[in-house]
C-alpha atoms as a PDB file:
ATOM      1  CA  MET A   1       0.156   0.262  -0.379  1.00  0.00           C
ATOM      2  CA  LEU A   2       1.099   3.183  -0.868  1.00  0.00           C
ATOM      3  CA  GLN A   3       1.335   5.770   1.852  1.00  0.00           C
ATOM      4  CA  VAL A   4       2.430   9.926   1.393  1.00  0.00           C
ATOM      5  CA  ASN A   5       3.376  11.654   4.003  1.00  0.00           C
ATOM      6  CA  TYR A   6       3.238  15.289   3.943  1.00  0.00           C
ATOM      7  CA  GLN A   7       4.425  18.102   5.619  1.00  0.00           C
ATOM      8  CA  LEU A   8       5.762  21.791   5.547  1.00  0.00           C
ATOM      9  CA  ASP A   9       9.424  21.651   7.670  1.00  0.00           C
ATOM     10  CA  SER A  10      11.184  24.469   9.197  1.00  0.00           C
ATOM     11  CA  TYR A  11      13.012  25.265   5.889  1.00  0.00           C
ATOM     12  CA  VAL A  12       9.566  25.285   4.403  1.00  0.00           C
ATOM     13  CA  ARG A  13       7.829  27.655   7.266  1.00  0.00           C
ATOM     14  CA  GLY A  14      11.340  29.945   7.390  1.00  0.00           C
ATOM     15  CA  MET A  15      11.215  31.377   3.841  1.00  0.00           C
ATOM     16  CA  ARG A  16       7.838  33.504   5.002  1.00  0.00           C
ATOM     17  CA  ALA A  17       9.853  36.659   5.558  1.00  0.00           C
ATOM     18  CA  GLN A  18      11.279  36.649   2.448  1.00  0.00           C
ATOM     19  CA  ALA A  19       8.212  35.073   0.534  1.00  0.00           C
ATOM     20  CA  TYR A  20       6.524  38.053   1.173  1.00  0.00           C
ATOM     21  CA  ARG A  21       8.952  41.013   0.682  1.00  0.00           C
ATOM     22  CA  ASP A  22       9.389  39.252  -2.649  1.00  0.00           C
ATOM     23  CA  PHE A  23       5.867  39.246  -3.220  1.00  0.00           C
ATOM     24  CA  ALA A  24       6.260  42.758  -2.414  1.00  0.00           C
ATOM     25  CA  ASN A  25       8.714  44.013  -4.278  1.00  0.00           C
ATOM     26  CA  PHE A  26       7.353  42.005  -7.080  1.00  0.00           C
ATOM     27  CA  LEU A  27       4.101  44.112  -6.491  1.00  0.00           C
ATOM     28  CA  MET A  28       5.678  47.448  -6.139  1.00  0.00           C
ATOM     29  CA  ALA A  29       7.651  47.058  -9.667  1.00  0.00           C
ATOM     30  CA  PHE A  30       4.075  47.441 -11.331  1.00  0.00           C
ATOM     31  CA  ASN A  31       2.737  49.513  -9.069  1.00  0.00           C
ATOM     32  CA  GLY A  32       0.216  46.873  -7.557  1.00  0.00           C
ATOM     33  CA  GLU A  33      -1.256  47.182  -3.981  1.00  0.00           C
ATOM     34  CA  ILE A  34      -0.676  44.884  -1.225  1.00  0.00           C
ATOM     35  CA  VAL A  35      -3.452  43.330   0.256  1.00  0.00           C
ATOM     36  CA  GLU A  36      -3.542  41.382   3.085  1.00  0.00           C
ATOM     37  CA  ALA A  37      -5.517  38.369   3.187  1.00  0.00           C
ATOM     38  CA  PRO A  38      -7.377  37.865   6.952  1.00  0.00           C
ATOM     39  CA  THR A  39      -6.718  33.627   6.674  1.00  0.00           C
ATOM     40  CA  GLY A  40      -2.912  33.829   7.825  1.00  0.00           C
ATOM     41  CA  TRP A  41       0.058  32.008   6.043  1.00  0.00           C
ATOM     42  CA  ARG A  42      -0.518  29.191   4.117  1.00  0.00           C
ATOM     43  CA  ASN A  43       2.419  27.223   2.121  1.00  0.00           C
ATOM     44  CA  GLN A  44       0.652  27.770  -1.007  1.00  0.00           C
ATOM     45  CA  TYR A  45       3.783  29.095  -3.276  1.00  0.00           C
ATOM     46  CA  HIS A  46       4.787  26.634  -5.409  1.00  0.00           C
ATOM     47  CA  ILE A  47       7.319  27.174  -7.565  1.00  0.00           C
ATOM     48  CA  MET A  48       6.887  26.033 -11.325  1.00  0.00           C
ATOM     49  CA  GLY A  49       8.267  26.908 -14.052  1.00  0.00           C
ATOM     50  CA  THR A  50      11.932  27.054 -12.932  1.00  0.00           C
ATOM     51  CA  THR A  51      12.911  23.988 -14.015  1.00  0.00           C
ATOM     52  CA  SER A  52      10.582  23.393 -17.205  1.00  0.00           C
ATOM     53  CA  MET A  53       9.667  19.978 -18.861  1.00  0.00           C
ATOM     54  CA  GLY A  54       9.603  19.306 -22.124  1.00  0.00           C
ATOM     55  CA  ASP A  55      10.611  17.766 -25.829  1.00  0.00           C
ATOM     56  CA  ASN A  56      13.224  19.336 -26.539  1.00  0.00           C
ATOM     57  CA  PRO A  57      16.714  20.309 -24.703  1.00  0.00           C
ATOM     58  CA  ARG A  58      16.826  24.484 -26.576  1.00  0.00           C
ATOM     59  CA  ASP A  59      13.498  25.282 -24.502  1.00  0.00           C
ATOM     60  CA  SER A  60      12.957  23.008 -21.577  1.00  0.00           C
ATOM     61  CA  VAL A  61      15.624  21.631 -19.205  1.00  0.00           C
ATOM     62  CA  VAL A  62      14.399  17.974 -18.381  1.00  0.00           C
ATOM     63  CA  ASP A  63      12.733  15.420 -20.793  1.00  0.00           C
ATOM     64  CA  ALA A  64       9.379  13.819 -19.969  1.00  0.00           C
ATOM     65  CA  HIS A  65      11.393  11.404 -17.593  1.00  0.00           C
ATOM     66  CA  CYS A  66      12.423  14.631 -15.526  1.00  0.00           C
ATOM     67  CA  ARG A  67      16.384  13.842 -16.205  1.00  0.00           C
ATOM     68  CA  SER A  68      18.368  16.612 -17.086  1.00  0.00           C
ATOM     69  CA  TRP A  69      19.054  17.091 -20.419  1.00  0.00           C
ATOM     70  CA  ASP A  70      22.759  18.472 -19.406  1.00  0.00           C
ATOM     71  CA  HIS A  71      23.562  15.984 -17.024  1.00  0.00           C
ATOM     72  CA  PRO A  72      22.186  12.011 -17.550  1.00  0.00           C
ATOM     73  CA  ASN A  73      22.340  10.893 -14.359  1.00  0.00           C
ATOM     74  CA  LEU A  74      20.745  14.078 -12.923  1.00  0.00           C
ATOM     75  CA  PHE A  75      16.984  13.810 -11.844  1.00  0.00           C
ATOM     76  CA  LEU A  76      15.260  16.294 -10.671  1.00  0.00           C
ATOM     77  CA  THR A  77      11.897  15.160  -8.854  1.00  0.00           C
ATOM     78  CA  THR A  78       9.966  18.787  -8.088  1.00  0.00           C
ATOM     79  CA  THR A  79       7.387  20.733  -8.888  1.00  0.00           C
ATOM     80  CA  GLY A  80       9.638  22.751 -10.881  1.00  0.00           C
ATOM     81  CA  VAL A  81       9.491  20.634 -13.954  1.00  0.00           C
ATOM     82  CA  MET A  82       5.433  21.888 -14.569  1.00  0.00           C
ATOM     83  CA  PRO A  83       5.836  24.161 -17.148  1.00  0.00           C
ATOM     84  CA  THR A  84       2.554  26.198 -15.816  1.00  0.00           C
ATOM     85  CA  SER A  85      -0.074  25.900 -13.141  1.00  0.00           C
ATOM     86  CA  ALA A  86      -3.769  24.390 -12.950  1.00  0.00           C
ATOM     87  CA  THR A  87      -6.649  26.086 -10.198  1.00  0.00           C
ATOM     88  CA  VAL A  88      -5.228  23.838  -7.718  1.00  0.00           C
ATOM     89  CA  ASN A  89      -1.831  23.302  -5.686  1.00  0.00           C
ATOM     90  CA  PRO A  90       0.110  20.765  -7.580  1.00  0.00           C
ATOM     91  CA  THR A  91       1.345  18.184  -4.935  1.00  0.00           C
ATOM     92  CA  LEU A  92      -0.141  15.686  -5.934  1.00  0.00           C
ATOM     93  CA  THR A  93       1.176  15.992  -9.612  1.00  0.00           C
ATOM     94  CA  GLY A  94       4.620  16.416  -8.087  1.00  0.00           C
ATOM     95  CA  ILE A  95       3.715  12.887  -5.946  1.00  0.00           C
ATOM     96  CA  ALA A  96       2.800  11.717  -9.339  1.00  0.00           C
ATOM     97  CA  LEU A  97       6.211  12.593 -11.410  1.00  0.00           C
ATOM     98  CA  ALA A  98       8.605  11.277  -7.952  1.00  0.00           C
ATOM     99  CA  LEU A  99       6.616   7.985  -8.836  1.00  0.00           C
ATOM    100  CA  ARG A 100       7.017   7.765 -12.512  1.00  0.00           C
ATOM    101  CA  LEU A 101      11.022   8.726 -12.044  1.00  0.00           C
ATOM    102  CA  ALA A 102      11.016   6.023  -9.147  1.00  0.00           C
ATOM    103  CA  ASP A 103       9.435   3.266 -12.027  1.00  0.00           C
ATOM    104  CA  ASN A 104      11.704   4.757 -14.604  1.00  0.00           C
ATOM    105  CA  LEU A 105      14.810   4.581 -12.356  1.00  0.00           C
ATOM    106  CA  VAL A 106      13.880   0.884 -11.348  1.00  0.00           C
ATOM    107  CA  ARG A 107      13.462  -0.243 -14.843  1.00  0.00           C
ATOM    108  CA  GLU A 108      17.025   1.263 -15.779  1.00  0.00           C
ATOM    109  CA  LEU A 109      19.246  -0.092 -13.142  1.00  0.00           C
END
């Protein structure tokens, strides 16, 4: 039976203040207005698109199996490989990508 445990570690919780500063700087650059939500902080800032998955090394970082184009023994199991986002958080999709990668690695070994 597959069991997935998810928790926010101290590193993720510790990034809160910096994330707020980064978002405020981004808003200020576009003359935006900071609006505080009364719900408090949640881990909803998903890093995506920074190491995009694709079919071509000219415009992506990893292939469909999360293998780096530049280093064949480097695999990136992160939601960063997802080039776009849906309307819900990508945690389960990230888990699915990691499981698919694990299956591919087992086959290669």
